[in-house]
Amino acid sequence: MVFRRPRVNVKPNVQATRPVSSIARSTDASGESISAQSQEEQSSQQIDPPAAPPVIE
């Protein structure tokens, strides 16, 4: 169990990538089904930036 604690410390470092962490957390909370849609949304973001923000919300 003590080994697991140090690993949690590494998570904050990964949080440095807030864009990915934020999206990953949103999909996890919504459900795995949305996880597949999230990937499509990311593709749309590059094509339609204005349509991405409302979809992510």
C-alpha atoms as a PDB file:
ATOM      1  CA  MET A   1       0.000   0.000   0.000  1.00  0.00           C
ATOM      2  CA  VAL A   2       2.899   2.323   0.720  1.00  0.00           C
ATOM      3  CA  PHE A   3       4.085   1.749  -2.836  1.00  0.00           C
ATOM      4  CA  ARG A   4       0.791   3.011  -4.178  1.00  0.00           C
ATOM      5  CA  ARG A   5       1.150   6.351  -2.369  1.00  0.00           C
ATOM      6  CA  PRO A   6       4.291   7.415  -4.270  1.00  0.00           C
ATOM      7  CA  ARG A   7       2.466   6.606  -7.497  1.00  0.00           C
ATOM      8  CA  VAL A   8      -0.276   9.100  -6.595  1.00  0.00           C
ATOM      9  CA  ASN A   9       2.429  11.742  -6.373  1.00  0.00           C
ATOM     10  CA  VAL A  10       3.252  11.087 -10.017  1.00  0.00           C
ATOM     11  CA  LYS A  11      -0.344  11.880 -10.990  1.00  0.00           C
ATOM     12  CA  PRO A  12       0.014  15.625 -10.269  1.00  0.00           C
ATOM     13  CA  ASN A  13       2.881  15.642 -12.743  1.00  0.00           C
ATOM     14  CA  VAL A  14       0.589  14.190 -15.393  1.00  0.00           C
ATOM     15  CA  GLN A  15      -1.977  16.859 -14.547  1.00  0.00           C
ATOM     16  CA  ALA A  16       0.453  19.296 -16.158  1.00  0.00           C
ATOM     17  CA  THR A  17      -1.384  18.247 -19.330  1.00  0.00           C
ATOM     18  CA  ARG A  18      -4.639  19.824 -18.192  1.00  0.00           C
ATOM     19  CA  PRO A  19      -6.241  19.688 -21.678  1.00  0.00           C
ATOM     20  CA  VAL A  20      -5.986  15.899 -21.779  1.00  0.00           C
ATOM     21  CA  SER A  21      -6.722  15.428 -18.069  1.00  0.00           C
ATOM     22  CA  SER A  22      -9.816  17.627 -18.269  1.00  0.00           C
ATOM     23  CA  ILE A  23     -11.217  15.786 -21.292  1.00  0.00           C
ATOM     24  CA  ALA A  24     -10.350  12.360 -19.883  1.00  0.00           C
ATOM     25  CA  ARG A  25     -12.086  13.195 -16.608  1.00  0.00           C
ATOM     26  CA  SER A  26     -15.209  14.511 -18.367  1.00  0.00           C
ATOM     27  CA  THR A  27     -15.517  11.334 -20.429  1.00  0.00           C
ATOM     28  CA  ASP A  28     -14.910   9.119 -17.393  1.00  0.00           C
ATOM     29  CA  ALA A  29     -17.660  10.870 -15.439  1.00  0.00           C
ATOM     30  CA  SER A  30     -20.097  10.814 -18.364  1.00  0.00           C
ATOM     31  CA  GLY A  31     -19.446   7.190 -19.314  1.00  0.00           C
ATOM     32  CA  GLU A  32     -17.458   4.969 -21.660  1.00  0.00           C
ATOM     33  CA  SER A  33     -20.076   5.408 -24.383  1.00  0.00           C
ATOM     34  CA  ILE A  34     -19.191   9.089 -24.636  1.00  0.00           C
ATOM     35  CA  SER A  35     -15.503   8.153 -24.717  1.00  0.00           C
ATOM     36  CA  ALA A  36     -15.921   7.071 -28.354  1.00  0.00           C
ATOM     37  CA  GLN A  37     -17.806  10.272 -29.175  1.00  0.00           C
ATOM     38  CA  SER A  38     -15.121  12.329 -27.460  1.00  0.00           C
ATOM     39  CA  GLN A  39     -12.583  11.131 -30.038  1.00  0.00           C
ATOM     40  CA  GLU A  40     -14.863  12.268 -32.840  1.00  0.00           C
ATOM     41  CA  GLU A  41     -15.347  15.607 -31.098  1.00  0.00           C
ATOM     42  CA  GLN A  42     -11.595  16.139 -30.988  1.00  0.00           C
ATOM     43  CA  SER A  43     -11.478  15.631 -34.757  1.00  0.00           C
ATOM     44  CA  SER A  44     -14.297  18.137 -35.145  1.00  0.00           C
ATOM     45  CA  GLN A  45     -12.416  20.628 -33.006  1.00  0.00           C
ATOM     46  CA  GLN A  46      -9.721  20.875 -35.684  1.00  0.00           C
ATOM     47  CA  ILE A  47     -12.333  21.333 -38.413  1.00  0.00           C
ATOM     48  CA  ASP A  48     -14.964  23.326 -36.466  1.00  0.00           C
ATOM     49  CA  PRO A  49     -13.401  25.058 -33.450  1.00  0.00           C
ATOM     50  CA  PRO A  50     -16.608  26.972 -32.604  1.00  0.00           C
ATOM     51  CA  ALA A  51     -18.644  23.743 -32.637  1.00  0.00           C
ATOM     52  CA  ALA A  52     -16.186  22.011 -30.283  1.00  0.00           C
ATOM     53  CA  PRO A  53     -16.703  24.100 -27.096  1.00  0.00           C
ATOM     54  CA  PRO A  54     -20.499  23.614 -26.996  1.00  0.00           C
ATOM     55  CA  VAL A  55     -20.165  19.886 -27.745  1.00  0.00           C
ATOM     56  CA  ILE A  56     -17.620  19.344 -24.964  1.00  0.00           C
ATOM     57  CA  GLU A  57     -19.927  21.106 -22.509  1.00  0.00           C
END
